[in-house]
Amino acid sequence: MDDCEHFWVNISSKRQRAWQCSHCGELRLDDPTQKREWVGLTDEEYEAMAEKHVTNCYFDTLTYARAVETKLKEKNHG
């Protein structure tokens, strides 16, 4: 439908990211060969996160590593 004002609904699976218009049914697929640009953390973000994991001269490396991993996943769409 050419005059459709698309409203895209995510219908992705683990193998393929896909969207379908709830108005006209048009389907769009992500190209799995298309590379996304990696988004890293800034020095300020690393430092702010590290400060949250230091208590009484003890640095909890495991929870810090998990926090870094979570933040990177958020910034890189999951």
Protein backbone atom coordinates (compact mmCIF):
# COMPACT_ATOMS: atom_id res chain seq x y z
CA MET A 1 0.00 0.00 0.00
CA ASP A 2 1.76 3.16 -1.22
CA ASP A 3 -0.16 5.68 0.88
CA CYS A 4 0.19 3.73 4.14
CA GLU A 5 1.58 5.60 7.15
CA HIS A 6 3.57 2.64 8.40
CA PHE A 7 3.45 1.58 12.04
CA TRP A 8 6.29 -0.94 12.38
CA VAL A 9 5.98 -3.81 14.84
CA ASN A 10 9.04 -5.83 15.78
CA ILE A 11 8.53 -9.50 14.85
CA SER A 12 12.19 -10.55 15.17
CA SER A 13 13.43 -14.00 15.98
CA LYS A 14 16.84 -15.02 17.33
CA ARG A 15 18.13 -15.49 13.77
CA GLN A 16 16.50 -12.59 11.92
CA ARG A 17 15.50 -9.07 12.86
CA ALA A 18 12.22 -8.18 11.19
CA TRP A 19 9.42 -5.64 11.31
CA GLN A 20 5.91 -5.74 9.92
CA CYS A 21 3.55 -2.82 9.34
CA SER A 22 0.45 -3.33 11.42
CA HIS A 23 -1.59 -1.33 8.89
CA CYS A 24 -0.69 -2.83 5.50
CA GLY A 25 1.32 -5.93 6.43
CA GLU A 26 4.51 -4.86 4.60
CA LEU A 27 7.52 -6.80 5.88
CA ARG A 28 11.06 -5.44 6.34
CA LEU A 29 14.08 -7.56 7.19
CA ASP A 30 17.51 -6.51 8.42
CA ASP A 31 20.37 -7.61 6.22
CA PRO A 32 22.34 -10.02 8.46
CA THR A 33 25.52 -9.25 6.48
CA GLN A 34 25.23 -5.53 7.24
CA LYS A 35 27.72 -4.59 9.94
CA ARG A 36 26.69 -2.21 12.70
CA GLU A 37 29.15 0.29 14.01
CA TRP A 38 30.38 -0.69 17.49
CA VAL A 39 29.61 1.85 20.21
CA GLY A 40 32.07 1.78 23.08
CA LEU A 41 32.17 3.51 26.44
CA THR A 42 33.85 6.83 27.06
CA ASP A 43 36.59 7.19 29.66
CA GLU A 44 34.13 9.13 31.79
CA GLU A 45 31.61 6.28 31.66
CA TYR A 46 34.28 3.73 32.66
CA GLU A 47 35.41 5.94 35.55
CA ALA A 48 31.86 6.60 36.80
CA MET A 49 31.10 2.89 36.75
CA ALA A 50 34.37 2.02 38.50
CA GLU A 51 33.65 4.49 41.29
CA LYS A 52 30.41 2.65 42.03
CA HIS A 53 32.31 -0.61 42.58
CA VAL A 54 34.98 0.59 45.02
CA THR A 55 34.14 0.22 48.71
CA ASN A 56 36.57 0.45 51.65
CA CYS A 57 39.62 -0.02 49.40
CA TYR A 58 38.02 -3.10 47.82
CA PHE A 59 37.31 -3.22 44.10
CA ASP A 60 34.63 -5.71 43.09
CA THR A 61 35.96 -6.67 39.66
CA LEU A 62 33.24 -9.21 38.85
CA THR A 63 30.31 -6.85 39.36
CA TYR A 64 32.25 -4.10 37.56
CA ALA A 65 32.84 -6.38 34.58
CA ARG A 66 29.15 -7.31 34.51
CA ALA A 67 28.15 -3.64 34.70
CA VAL A 68 30.46 -2.81 31.77
CA GLU A 69 29.02 -5.70 29.77
CA THR A 70 25.44 -4.56 30.48
CA LYS A 71 26.21 -0.95 29.51
CA LEU A 72 27.85 -2.04 26.25
CA LYS A 73 24.86 -4.23 25.39
CA GLU A 74 22.53 -1.29 26.01
CA LYS A 75 24.58 0.99 23.77
CA ASN A 76 24.80 -1.63 21.02
CA HIS A 77 21.12 -2.62 20.96
CA GLY A 78 21.29 -5.50 23.14
